[in-house]
Amino acid sequence: LRTRNEFSFMLTLKGLGATGSRKFASI
């Protein structure tokens, strides 16, 4: 972005619970 850079990651293990993210959904 103009004001900052963002690095993110999410690990999903089936059955151990995960949630959605607006950031990931937009990409």
mmCIF file of all heavy atoms, coordinates in Angstrom:
data_MODEL
# 
_entry.id   MODEL 
# 
loop_
_atom_site.group_PDB 
_atom_site.id 
_atom_site.type_symbol 
_atom_site.label_atom_id 
_atom_site.label_alt_id 
_atom_site.label_comp_id 
_atom_site.label_asym_id 
_atom_site.label_entity_id 
_atom_site.label_seq_id 
_atom_site.pdbx_PDB_ins_code 
_atom_site.Cartn_x 
_atom_site.Cartn_y 
_atom_site.Cartn_z 
_atom_site.occupancy 
_atom_site.B_iso_or_equiv 
_atom_site.pdbx_formal_charge 
_atom_site.auth_seq_id 
_atom_site.auth_comp_id 
_atom_site.auth_asym_id 
_atom_site.auth_atom_id 
_atom_site.pdbx_PDB_model_num 
ATOM 1   N N   . LEU A 1 1  ? 0.838   -1.190  0.000  1.00 0.00 ? 1  LEU A N   1 
ATOM 2   C CA  . LEU A 1 1  ? 0.000   0.000   0.000  1.00 0.00 ? 1  LEU A CA  1 
ATOM 3   C C   . LEU A 1 1  ? 0.879   1.248   0.000  1.00 0.00 ? 1  LEU A C   1 
ATOM 4   O O   . LEU A 1 1  ? 2.096   1.177   0.147  1.00 0.00 ? 1  LEU A O   1 
ATOM 5   C CB  . LEU A 1 1  ? -0.912  0.006   1.233  1.00 0.00 ? 1  LEU A CB  1 
ATOM 6   C CG  . LEU A 1 1  ? -1.789  -1.229  1.429  1.00 0.00 ? 1  LEU A CG  1 
ATOM 7   C CD1 . LEU A 1 1  ? -2.527  -1.132  2.745  1.00 0.00 ? 1  LEU A CD1 1 
ATOM 8   C CD2 . LEU A 1 1  ? -2.755  -1.380  0.270  1.00 0.00 ? 1  LEU A CD2 1 
ATOM 9   N N   . ARG A 1 2  ? 0.232   2.404   -0.155 1.00 0.00 ? 2  ARG A N   1 
ATOM 10  C CA  . ARG A 1 2  ? 0.992   3.648   -0.159 1.00 0.00 ? 2  ARG A CA  1 
ATOM 11  C C   . ARG A 1 2  ? 1.664   3.916   1.188  1.00 0.00 ? 2  ARG A C   1 
ATOM 12  O O   . ARG A 1 2  ? 2.770   4.443   1.258  1.00 0.00 ? 2  ARG A O   1 
ATOM 13  C CB  . ARG A 1 2  ? 0.064   4.817   -0.505 1.00 0.00 ? 2  ARG A CB  1 
ATOM 14  C CG  . ARG A 1 2  ? -0.354  4.865   -1.973 1.00 0.00 ? 2  ARG A CG  1 
ATOM 15  C CD  . ARG A 1 2  ? -1.261  6.048   -2.211 1.00 0.00 ? 2  ARG A CD  1 
ATOM 16  N NE  . ARG A 1 2  ? -1.590  6.182   -3.626 1.00 0.00 ? 2  ARG A NE  1 
ATOM 17  C CZ  . ARG A 1 2  ? -2.405  7.120   -4.111 1.00 0.00 ? 2  ARG A CZ  1 
ATOM 18  N NH1 . ARG A 1 2  ? -2.987  7.983   -3.292 1.00 0.00 ? 2  ARG A NH1 1 
ATOM 19  N NH2 . ARG A 1 2  ? -2.646  7.195   -5.410 1.00 0.00 ? 2  ARG A NH2 1 
ATOM 20  N N   . THR A 1 3  ? 0.971   3.563   2.269  1.00 0.00 ? 3  THR A N   1 
ATOM 21  C CA  . THR A 1 3  ? 1.461   3.909   3.603  1.00 0.00 ? 3  THR A CA  1 
ATOM 22  C C   . THR A 1 3  ? 2.151   2.764   4.323  1.00 0.00 ? 3  THR A C   1 
ATOM 23  O O   . THR A 1 3  ? 2.799   2.993   5.340  1.00 0.00 ? 3  THR A O   1 
ATOM 24  C CB  . THR A 1 3  ? 0.294   4.401   4.475  1.00 0.00 ? 3  THR A CB  1 
ATOM 25  O OG1 . THR A 1 3  ? -0.711  3.367   4.551  1.00 0.00 ? 3  THR A OG1 1 
ATOM 26  C CG2 . THR A 1 3  ? -0.329  5.650   3.879  1.00 0.00 ? 3  THR A CG2 1 
ATOM 27  N N   . ARG A 1 4  ? 2.001   1.524   3.834  1.00 0.00 ? 4  ARG A N   1 
ATOM 28  C CA  . ARG A 1 4  ? 2.593   0.403   4.553  1.00 0.00 ? 4  ARG A CA  1 
ATOM 29  C C   . ARG A 1 4  ? 2.600   -0.839  3.663  1.00 0.00 ? 4  ARG A C   1 
ATOM 30  O O   . ARG A 1 4  ? 1.922   -0.894  2.636  1.00 0.00 ? 4  ARG A O   1 
ATOM 31  C CB  . ARG A 1 4  ? 1.799   0.100   5.820  1.00 0.00 ? 4  ARG A CB  1 
ATOM 32  C CG  . ARG A 1 4  ? 0.382   -0.392  5.583  1.00 0.00 ? 4  ARG A CG  1 
ATOM 33  C CD  . ARG A 1 4  ? -0.388  -0.474  6.892  1.00 0.00 ? 4  ARG A CD  1 
ATOM 34  N NE  . ARG A 1 4  ? -1.670  -1.122  6.749  1.00 0.00 ? 4  ARG A NE  1 
ATOM 35  C CZ  . ARG A 1 4  ? -2.795  -0.497  6.396  1.00 0.00 ? 4  ARG A CZ  1 
ATOM 36  N NH1 . ARG A 1 4  ? -2.768  0.798   6.129  1.00 0.00 ? 4  ARG A NH1 1 
ATOM 37  N NH2 . ARG A 1 4  ? -3.944  -1.161  6.308  1.00 0.00 ? 4  ARG A NH2 1 
ATOM 38  N N   . ASN A 1 5  ? 3.387   -1.803  4.077  1.00 0.00 ? 5  ASN A N   1 
ATOM 39  C CA  . ASN A 1 5  ? 3.399   -3.121  3.448  1.00 0.00 ? 5  ASN A CA  1 
ATOM 40  C C   . ASN A 1 5  ? 2.932   -4.147  4.467  1.00 0.00 ? 5  ASN A C   1 
ATOM 41  O O   . ASN A 1 5  ? 3.281   -4.050  5.649  1.00 0.00 ? 5  ASN A O   1 
ATOM 42  C CB  . ASN A 1 5  ? 4.802   -3.484  2.953  1.00 0.00 ? 5  ASN A CB  1 
ATOM 43  C CG  . ASN A 1 5  ? 5.313   -2.502  1.916  1.00 0.00 ? 5  ASN A CG  1 
ATOM 44  O OD1 . ASN A 1 5  ? 4.546   -1.986  1.126  1.00 0.00 ? 5  ASN A OD1 1 
ATOM 45  N ND2 . ASN A 1 5  ? 6.616   -2.224  1.944  1.00 0.00 ? 5  ASN A ND2 1 
ATOM 46  N N   . GLU A 1 6  ? 2.142   -5.123  4.013  1.00 0.00 ? 6  GLU A N   1 
ATOM 47  C CA  . GLU A 1 6  ? 1.582   -6.126  4.915  1.00 0.00 ? 6  GLU A CA  1 
ATOM 48  C C   . GLU A 1 6  ? 1.933   -7.524  4.410  1.00 0.00 ? 6  GLU A C   1 
ATOM 49  O O   . GLU A 1 6  ? 1.724   -7.835  3.228  1.00 0.00 ? 6  GLU A O   1 
ATOM 50  C CB  . GLU A 1 6  ? 0.056   -6.004  4.990  1.00 0.00 ? 6  GLU A CB  1 
ATOM 51  C CG  . GLU A 1 6  ? -0.450  -4.690  5.544  1.00 0.00 ? 6  GLU A CG  1 
ATOM 52  C CD  . GLU A 1 6  ? -0.507  -4.678  7.051  1.00 0.00 ? 6  GLU A CD  1 
ATOM 53  O OE1 . GLU A 1 6  ? -0.227  -5.733  7.656  1.00 0.00 ? 6  GLU A OE1 1 
ATOM 54  O OE2 . GLU A 1 6  ? -0.834  -3.627  7.619  1.00 0.00 ? 6  GLU A OE2 1 
ATOM 55  N N   . PHE A 1 7  ? 2.462   -8.343  5.316  1.00 0.00 ? 7  PHE A N   1 
ATOM 56  C CA  . PHE A 1 7  ? 2.699   -9.755  5.023  1.00 0.00 ? 7  PHE A CA  1 
ATOM 57  C C   . PHE A 1 7  ? 1.881   -10.576 6.006  1.00 0.00 ? 7  PHE A C   1 
ATOM 58  O O   . PHE A 1 7  ? 1.947   -10.352 7.215  1.00 0.00 ? 7  PHE A O   1 
ATOM 59  C CB  . PHE A 1 7  ? 4.186   -10.088 5.172  1.00 0.00 ? 7  PHE A CB  1 
ATOM 60  C CG  . PHE A 1 7  ? 4.481   -11.565 5.069  1.00 0.00 ? 7  PHE A CG  1 
ATOM 61  C CD1 . PHE A 1 7  ? 4.546   -12.189 3.837  1.00 0.00 ? 7  PHE A CD1 1 
ATOM 62  C CD2 . PHE A 1 7  ? 4.678   -12.330 6.208  1.00 0.00 ? 7  PHE A CD2 1 
ATOM 63  C CE1 . PHE A 1 7  ? 4.805   -13.546 3.746  1.00 0.00 ? 7  PHE A CE1 1 
ATOM 64  C CE2 . PHE A 1 7  ? 4.939   -13.685 6.134  1.00 0.00 ? 7  PHE A CE2 1 
ATOM 65  C CZ  . PHE A 1 7  ? 5.003   -14.290 4.888  1.00 0.00 ? 7  PHE A CZ  1 
ATOM 66  N N   . SER A 1 8  ? 1.084   -11.518 5.497  1.00 0.00 ? 8  SER A N   1 
ATOM 67  C CA  . SER A 1 8  ? 0.213   -12.324 6.360  1.00 0.00 ? 8  SER A CA  1 
ATOM 68  C C   . SER A 1 8  ? 0.220   -13.766 5.905  1.00 0.00 ? 8  SER A C   1 
ATOM 69  O O   . SER A 1 8  ? 0.410   -14.056 4.714  1.00 0.00 ? 8  SER A O   1 
ATOM 70  C CB  . SER A 1 8  ? -1.230  -11.793 6.331  1.00 0.00 ? 8  SER A CB  1 
ATOM 71  O OG  . SER A 1 8  ? -1.297  -10.446 6.725  1.00 0.00 ? 8  SER A OG  1 
ATOM 72  N N   . PHE A 1 9  ? -0.002  -14.664 6.856  1.00 0.00 ? 9  PHE A N   1 
ATOM 73  C CA  . PHE A 1 9  ? -0.210  -16.061 6.472  1.00 0.00 ? 9  PHE A CA  1 
ATOM 74  C C   . PHE A 1 9  ? -1.145  -16.729 7.467  1.00 0.00 ? 9  PHE A C   1 
ATOM 75  O O   . PHE A 1 9  ? -1.279  -16.305 8.622  1.00 0.00 ? 9  PHE A O   1 
ATOM 76  C CB  . PHE A 1 9  ? 1.117   -16.827 6.358  1.00 0.00 ? 9  PHE A CB  1 
ATOM 77  C CG  . PHE A 1 9  ? 1.753   -17.187 7.666  1.00 0.00 ? 9  PHE A CG  1 
ATOM 78  C CD1 . PHE A 1 9  ? 1.478   -18.395 8.280  1.00 0.00 ? 9  PHE A CD1 1 
ATOM 79  C CD2 . PHE A 1 9  ? 2.632   -16.313 8.275  1.00 0.00 ? 9  PHE A CD2 1 
ATOM 80  C CE1 . PHE A 1 9  ? 2.070   -18.731 9.481  1.00 0.00 ? 9  PHE A CE1 1 
ATOM 81  C CE2 . PHE A 1 9  ? 3.233   -16.646 9.481  1.00 0.00 ? 9  PHE A CE2 1 
ATOM 82  C CZ  . PHE A 1 9  ? 2.953   -17.857 10.085 1.00 0.00 ? 9  PHE A CZ  1 
ATOM 83  N N   . MET A 1 10 ? -1.814  -17.756 6.996  1.00 0.00 ? 10 MET A N   1 
ATOM 84  C CA  . MET A 1 10 ? -2.747  -18.513 7.828  1.00 0.00 ? 10 MET A CA  1 
ATOM 85  C C   . MET A 1 10 ? -2.598  -19.988 7.500  1.00 0.00 ? 10 MET A C   1 
ATOM 86  O O   . MET A 1 10 ? -2.595  -20.377 6.321  1.00 0.00 ? 10 MET A O   1 
ATOM 87  C CB  . MET A 1 10 ? -4.195  -18.067 7.575  1.00 0.00 ? 10 MET A CB  1 
ATOM 88  C CG  . MET A 1 10 ? -5.211  -18.825 8.425  1.00 0.00 ? 10 MET A CG  1 
ATOM 89  S SD  . MET A 1 10 ? -6.907  -18.180 8.232  1.00 0.00 ? 10 MET A SD  1 
ATOM 90  C CE  . MET A 1 10 ? -7.256  -18.722 6.552  1.00 0.00 ? 10 MET A CE  1 
ATOM 91  N N   . LEU A 1 11 ? -2.460  -20.794 8.534  1.00 0.00 ? 11 LEU A N   1 
ATOM 92  C CA  . LEU A 1 11 ? -2.376  -22.244 8.404  1.00 0.00 ? 11 LEU A CA  1 
ATOM 93  C C   . LEU A 1 11 ? -3.715  -22.842 8.787  1.00 0.00 ? 11 LEU A C   1 
ATOM 94  O O   . LEU A 1 11 ? -4.300  -22.479 9.802  1.00 0.00 ? 11 LEU A O   1 
ATOM 95  C CB  . LEU A 1 11 ? -1.270  -22.794 9.314  1.00 0.00 ? 11 LEU A CB  1 
ATOM 96  C CG  . LEU A 1 11 ? -1.082  -24.318 9.321  1.00 0.00 ? 11 LEU A CG  1 
ATOM 97  C CD1 . LEU A 1 11 ? -0.551  -24.780 7.972  1.00 0.00 ? 11 LEU A CD1 1 
ATOM 98  C CD2 . LEU A 1 11 ? -0.144  -24.723 10.448 1.00 0.00 ? 11 LEU A CD2 1 
ATOM 99  N N   . THR A 1 12 ? -4.211  -23.755 7.971  1.00 0.00 ? 12 THR A N   1 
ATOM 100 C CA  . THR A 1 12 ? -5.484  -24.419 8.229  1.00 0.00 ? 12 THR A CA  1 
ATOM 101 C C   . THR A 1 12 ? -5.257  -25.915 8.337  1.00 0.00 ? 12 THR A C   1 
ATOM 102 O O   . THR A 1 12 ? -4.689  -26.519 7.422  1.00 0.00 ? 12 THR A O   1 
ATOM 103 C CB  . THR A 1 12 ? -6.494  -24.142 7.100  1.00 0.00 ? 12 THR A CB  1 
ATOM 104 O OG1 . THR A 1 12 ? -6.691  -22.746 6.973  1.00 0.00 ? 12 THR A OG1 1 
ATOM 105 C CG2 . THR A 1 12 ? -7.827  -24.805 7.404  1.00 0.00 ? 12 THR A CG2 1 
ATOM 106 N N   . LEU A 1 13 ? -5.656  -26.488 9.454  1.00 0.00 ? 13 LEU A N   1 
ATOM 107 C CA  . LEU A 1 13 ? -5.644  -27.933 9.624  1.00 0.00 ? 13 LEU A CA  1 
ATOM 108 C C   . LEU A 1 13 ? -7.084  -28.396 9.645  1.00 0.00 ? 13 LEU A C   1 
ATOM 109 O O   . LEU A 1 13 ? -7.877  -27.936 10.463 1.00 0.00 ? 13 LEU A O   1 
ATOM 110 C CB  . LEU A 1 13 ? -4.946  -28.321 10.930 1.00 0.00 ? 13 LEU A CB  1 
ATOM 111 C CG  . LEU A 1 13 ? -3.483  -27.872 11.054 1.00 0.00 ? 13 LEU A CG  1 
ATOM 112 C CD1 . LEU A 1 13 ? -2.927  -28.312 12.390 1.00 0.00 ? 13 LEU A CD1 1 
ATOM 113 C CD2 . LEU A 1 13 ? -2.656  -28.431 9.914  1.00 0.00 ? 13 LEU A CD2 1 
ATOM 114 N N   . LYS A 1 14 ? -7.437  -29.296 8.776  1.00 0.00 ? 14 LYS A N   1 
ATOM 115 C CA  . LYS A 1 14 ? -8.829  -29.703 8.637  1.00 0.00 ? 14 LYS A CA  1 
ATOM 116 C C   . LYS A 1 14 ? -9.369  -30.211 9.961  1.00 0.00 ? 14 LYS A C   1 
ATOM 117 O O   . LYS A 1 14 ? -8.803  -31.086 10.592 1.00 0.00 ? 14 LYS A O   1 
ATOM 118 C CB  . LYS A 1 14 ? -8.962  -30.798 7.574  1.00 0.00 ? 14 LYS A CB  1 
ATOM 119 C CG  . LYS A 1 14 ? -10.395 -31.239 7.373  1.00 0.00 ? 14 LYS A CG  1 
ATOM 120 C CD  . LYS A 1 14 ? -10.506 -32.306 6.310  1.00 0.00 ? 14 LYS A CD  1 
ATOM 121 C CE  . LYS A 1 14 ? -11.942 -32.761 6.166  1.00 0.00 ? 14 LYS A CE  1 
ATOM 122 N NZ  . LYS A 1 14 ? -12.095 -33.831 5.175  1.00 0.00 ? 14 LYS A NZ  1 
ATOM 123 N N   . GLY A 1 15 ? -10.492 -29.614 10.369 1.00 0.00 ? 15 GLY A N   1 
ATOM 124 C CA  . GLY A 1 15 ? -11.145 -30.044 11.594 1.00 0.00 ? 15 GLY A CA  1 
ATOM 125 C C   . GLY A 1 15 ? -10.688 -29.322 12.838 1.00 0.00 ? 15 GLY A C   1 
ATOM 126 O O   . GLY A 1 15 ? -11.385 -29.318 13.837 1.00 0.00 ? 15 GLY A O   1 
ATOM 127 N N   . LEU A 1 16 ? -9.487  -28.680 12.801 1.00 0.00 ? 16 LEU A N   1 
ATOM 128 C CA  . LEU A 1 16 ? -9.004  -27.996 13.989 1.00 0.00 ? 16 LEU A CA  1 
ATOM 129 C C   . LEU A 1 16 ? -9.463  -26.545 14.043 1.00 0.00 ? 16 LEU A C   1 
ATOM 130 O O   . LEU A 1 16 ? -9.037  -25.797 14.907 1.00 0.00 ? 16 LEU A O   1 
ATOM 131 C CB  . LEU A 1 16 ? -7.474  -28.045 14.042 1.00 0.00 ? 16 LEU A CB  1 
ATOM 132 C CG  . LEU A 1 16 ? -6.893  -29.422 14.370 1.00 0.00 ? 16 LEU A CG  1 
ATOM 133 C CD1 . LEU A 1 16 ? -5.388  -29.352 14.444 1.00 0.00 ? 16 LEU A CD1 1 
ATOM 134 C CD2 . LEU A 1 16 ? -7.451  -29.950 15.677 1.00 0.00 ? 16 LEU A CD2 1 
ATOM 135 N N   . GLY A 1 17 ? -10.314 -26.137 13.101 1.00 0.00 ? 17 GLY A N   1 
ATOM 136 C CA  . GLY A 1 17 ? -10.917 -24.816 13.180 1.00 0.00 ? 17 GLY A CA  1 
ATOM 137 C C   . GLY A 1 17 ? -10.183 -23.802 12.340 1.00 0.00 ? 17 GLY A C   1 
ATOM 138 O O   . GLY A 1 17 ? -8.976  -23.678 12.388 1.00 0.00 ? 17 GLY A O   1 
ATOM 139 N N   . ALA A 1 18 ? -10.918 -23.040 11.534 1.00 0.00 ? 18 ALA A N   1 
ATOM 140 C CA  . ALA A 1 18 ? -10.358 -21.964 10.733 1.00 0.00 ? 18 ALA A CA  1 
ATOM 141 C C   . ALA A 1 18 ? -11.426 -20.912 10.564 1.00 0.00 ? 18 ALA A C   1 
ATOM 142 O O   . ALA A 1 18 ? -12.610 -21.166 10.739 1.00 0.00 ? 18 ALA A O   1 
ATOM 143 C CB  . ALA A 1 18 ? -9.892  -22.496 9.373  1.00 0.00 ? 18 ALA A CB  1 
ATOM 144 N N   . THR A 1 19 ? -10.995 -19.721 10.229 1.00 0.00 ? 19 THR A N   1 
ATOM 145 C CA  . THR A 1 19 ? -11.939 -18.630 10.030 1.00 0.00 ? 19 THR A CA  1 
ATOM 146 C C   . THR A 1 19 ? -11.594 -17.902 8.754  1.00 0.00 ? 19 THR A C   1 
ATOM 147 O O   . THR A 1 19 ? -10.453 -17.938 8.293  1.00 0.00 ? 19 THR A O   1 
ATOM 148 C CB  . THR A 1 19 ? -11.913 -17.660 11.220 1.00 0.00 ? 19 THR A CB  1 
ATOM 149 O OG1 . THR A 1 19 ? -12.919 -16.663 11.022 1.00 0.00 ? 19 THR A OG1 1 
ATOM 150 C CG2 . THR A 1 19 ? -10.571 -16.957 11.333 1.00 0.00 ? 19 THR A CG2 1 
ATOM 151 N N   . GLY A 1 20 ? -12.577 -17.229 8.164  1.00 0.00 ? 20 GLY A N   1 
ATOM 152 C CA  . GLY A 1 20 ? -12.338 -16.480 6.952  1.00 0.00 ? 20 GLY A CA  1 
ATOM 153 C C   . GLY A 1 20 ? -11.692 -15.139 7.244  1.00 0.00 ? 20 GLY A C   1 
ATOM 154 O O   . GLY A 1 20 ? -11.618 -14.688 8.380  1.00 0.00 ? 20 GLY A O   1 
ATOM 155 N N   . SER A 1 21 ? -11.209 -14.481 6.217  1.00 0.00 ? 21 SER A N   1 
ATOM 156 C CA  . SER A 1 21 ? -10.582 -13.178 6.339  1.00 0.00 ? 21 SER A CA  1 
ATOM 157 C C   . SER A 1 21 ? -10.985 -12.339 5.149  1.00 0.00 ? 21 SER A C   1 
ATOM 158 O O   . SER A 1 21 ? -10.943 -12.807 4.008  1.00 0.00 ? 21 SER A O   1 
ATOM 159 C CB  . SER A 1 21 ? -9.052  -13.320 6.400  1.00 0.00 ? 21 SER A CB  1 
ATOM 160 O OG  . SER A 1 21 ? -8.420  -12.080 6.209  1.00 0.00 ? 21 SER A OG  1 
ATOM 161 N N   . ARG A 1 22 ? -11.386 -11.085 5.398  1.00 0.00 ? 22 ARG A N   1 
ATOM 162 C CA  . ARG A 1 22 ? -11.747 -10.207 4.289  1.00 0.00 ? 22 ARG A CA  1 
ATOM 163 C C   . ARG A 1 22 ? -10.552 -9.986  3.379  1.00 0.00 ? 22 ARG A C   1 
ATOM 164 O O   . ARG A 1 22 ? -10.688 -9.870  2.169  1.00 0.00 ? 22 ARG A O   1 
ATOM 165 C CB  . ARG A 1 22 ? -12.243 -8.873  4.845  1.00 0.00 ? 22 ARG A CB  1 
ATOM 166 C CG  . ARG A 1 22 ? -13.583 -8.961  5.571  1.00 0.00 ? 22 ARG A CG  1 
ATOM 167 C CD  . ARG A 1 22 ? -13.960 -7.610  6.137  1.00 0.00 ? 22 ARG A CD  1 
ATOM 168 N NE  . ARG A 1 22 ? -15.184 -7.688  6.921  1.00 0.00 ? 22 ARG A NE  1 
ATOM 169 C CZ  . ARG A 1 22 ? -15.638 -6.696  7.675  1.00 0.00 ? 22 ARG A CZ  1 
ATOM 170 N NH1 . ARG A 1 22 ? -14.957 -5.558  7.745  1.00 0.00 ? 22 ARG A NH1 1 
ATOM 171 N NH2 . ARG A 1 22 ? -16.754 -6.832  8.365  1.00 0.00 ? 22 ARG A NH2 1 
ATOM 172 N N   . LYS A 1 23 ? -9.360  -9.898  3.985  1.00 0.00 ? 23 LYS A N   1 
ATOM 173 C CA  . LYS A 1 23 ? -8.162  -9.683  3.191  1.00 0.00 ? 23 LYS A CA  1 
ATOM 174 C C   . LYS A 1 23 ? -7.932  -10.839 2.221  1.00 0.00 ? 23 LYS A C   1 
ATOM 175 O O   . LYS A 1 23 ? -7.710  -10.644 1.026  1.00 0.00 ? 23 LYS A O   1 
ATOM 176 C CB  . LYS A 1 23 ? -6.955  -9.536  4.111  1.00 0.00 ? 23 LYS A CB  1 
ATOM 177 C CG  . LYS A 1 23 ? -5.637  -9.318  3.374  1.00 0.00 ? 23 LYS A CG  1 
ATOM 178 C CD  . LYS A 1 23 ? -4.438  -9.554  4.273  1.00 0.00 ? 23 LYS A CD  1 
ATOM 179 C CE  . LYS A 1 23 ? -4.481  -8.695  5.496  1.00 0.00 ? 23 LYS A CE  1 
ATOM 180 N NZ  . LYS A 1 23 ? -3.282  -8.843  6.337  1.00 0.00 ? 23 LYS A NZ  1 
ATOM 181 N N   . PHE A 1 24 ? -7.989  -12.073 2.722  1.00 0.00 ? 24 PHE A N   1 
ATOM 182 C CA  . PHE A 1 24 ? -7.760  -13.229 1.872  1.00 0.00 ? 24 PHE A CA  1 
ATOM 183 C C   . PHE A 1 24 ? -8.879  -13.371 0.836  1.00 0.00 ? 24 PHE A C   1 
ATOM 184 O O   . PHE A 1 24 ? -8.632  -13.729 -0.314 1.00 0.00 ? 24 PHE A O   1 
ATOM 185 C CB  . PHE A 1 24 ? -7.657  -14.501 2.711  1.00 0.00 ? 24 PHE A CB  1 
ATOM 186 C CG  . PHE A 1 24 ? -6.487  -14.498 3.660  1.00 0.00 ? 24 PHE A CG  1 
ATOM 187 C CD1 . PHE A 1 24 ? -6.550  -15.186 4.856  1.00 0.00 ? 24 PHE A CD1 1 
ATOM 188 C CD2 . PHE A 1 24 ? -5.337  -13.802 3.366  1.00 0.00 ? 24 PHE A CD2 1 
ATOM 189 C CE1 . PHE A 1 24 ? -5.480  -15.188 5.740  1.00 0.00 ? 24 PHE A CE1 1 
ATOM 190 C CE2 . PHE A 1 24 ? -4.256  -13.791 4.238  1.00 0.00 ? 24 PHE A CE2 1 
ATOM 191 C CZ  . PHE A 1 24 ? -4.325  -14.486 5.426  1.00 0.00 ? 24 PHE A CZ  1 
ATOM 192 N N   . ALA A 1 25 ? -10.123 -13.090 1.257  1.00 0.00 ? 25 ALA A N   1 
ATOM 193 C CA  . ALA A 1 25 ? -11.256 -13.227 0.333  1.00 0.00 ? 25 ALA A CA  1 
ATOM 194 C C   . ALA A 1 25 ? -11.163 -12.238 -0.818 1.00 0.00 ? 25 ALA A C   1 
ATOM 195 O O   . ALA A 1 25 ? -11.586 -12.534 -1.940 1.00 0.00 ? 25 ALA A O   1 
ATOM 196 C CB  . ALA A 1 25 ? -12.573 -13.031 1.091  1.00 0.00 ? 25 ALA A CB  1 
ATOM 197 N N   . SER A 1 26 ? -10.614 -11.048 -0.593 1.00 0.00 ? 26 SER A N   1 
ATOM 198 C CA  . SER A 1 26 ? -10.518 -10.057 -1.658 1.00 0.00 ? 26 SER A CA  1 
ATOM 199 C C   . SER A 1 26 ? -9.457  -10.423 -2.686 1.00 0.00 ? 26 SER A C   1 
ATOM 200 O O   . SER A 1 26 ? -9.491  -9.932  -3.815 1.00 0.00 ? 26 SER A O   1 
ATOM 201 C CB  . SER A 1 26 ? -10.199 -8.680  -1.061 1.00 0.00 ? 26 SER A CB  1 
ATOM 202 O OG  . SER A 1 26 ? -8.913  -8.673  -0.463 1.00 0.00 ? 26 SER A OG  1 
ATOM 203 N N   . ILE A 1 27 ? -8.510  -11.279 -2.325 1.00 0.00 ? 27 ILE A N   1 
ATOM 204 C CA  . ILE A 1 27 ? -7.461  -11.693 -3.254 1.00 0.00 ? 27 ILE A CA  1 
ATOM 205 C C   . ILE A 1 27 ? -7.842  -12.995 -3.947 1.00 0.00 ? 27 ILE A C   1 
ATOM 206 O O   . ILE A 1 27 ? -7.707  -13.130 -5.159 1.00 0.00 ? 27 ILE A O   1 
ATOM 207 C CB  . ILE A 1 27 ? -6.123  -11.846 -2.513 1.00 0.00 ? 27 ILE A CB  1 
ATOM 208 C CG1 . ILE A 1 27 ? -5.708  -10.500 -1.917 1.00 0.00 ? 27 ILE A CG1 1 
ATOM 209 C CG2 . ILE A 1 27 ? -5.042  -12.373 -3.447 1.00 0.00 ? 27 ILE A CG2 1 
ATOM 210 C CD1 . ILE A 1 27 ? -4.457  -10.566 -1.081 1.00 0.00 ? 27 ILE A CD1 1 
# 
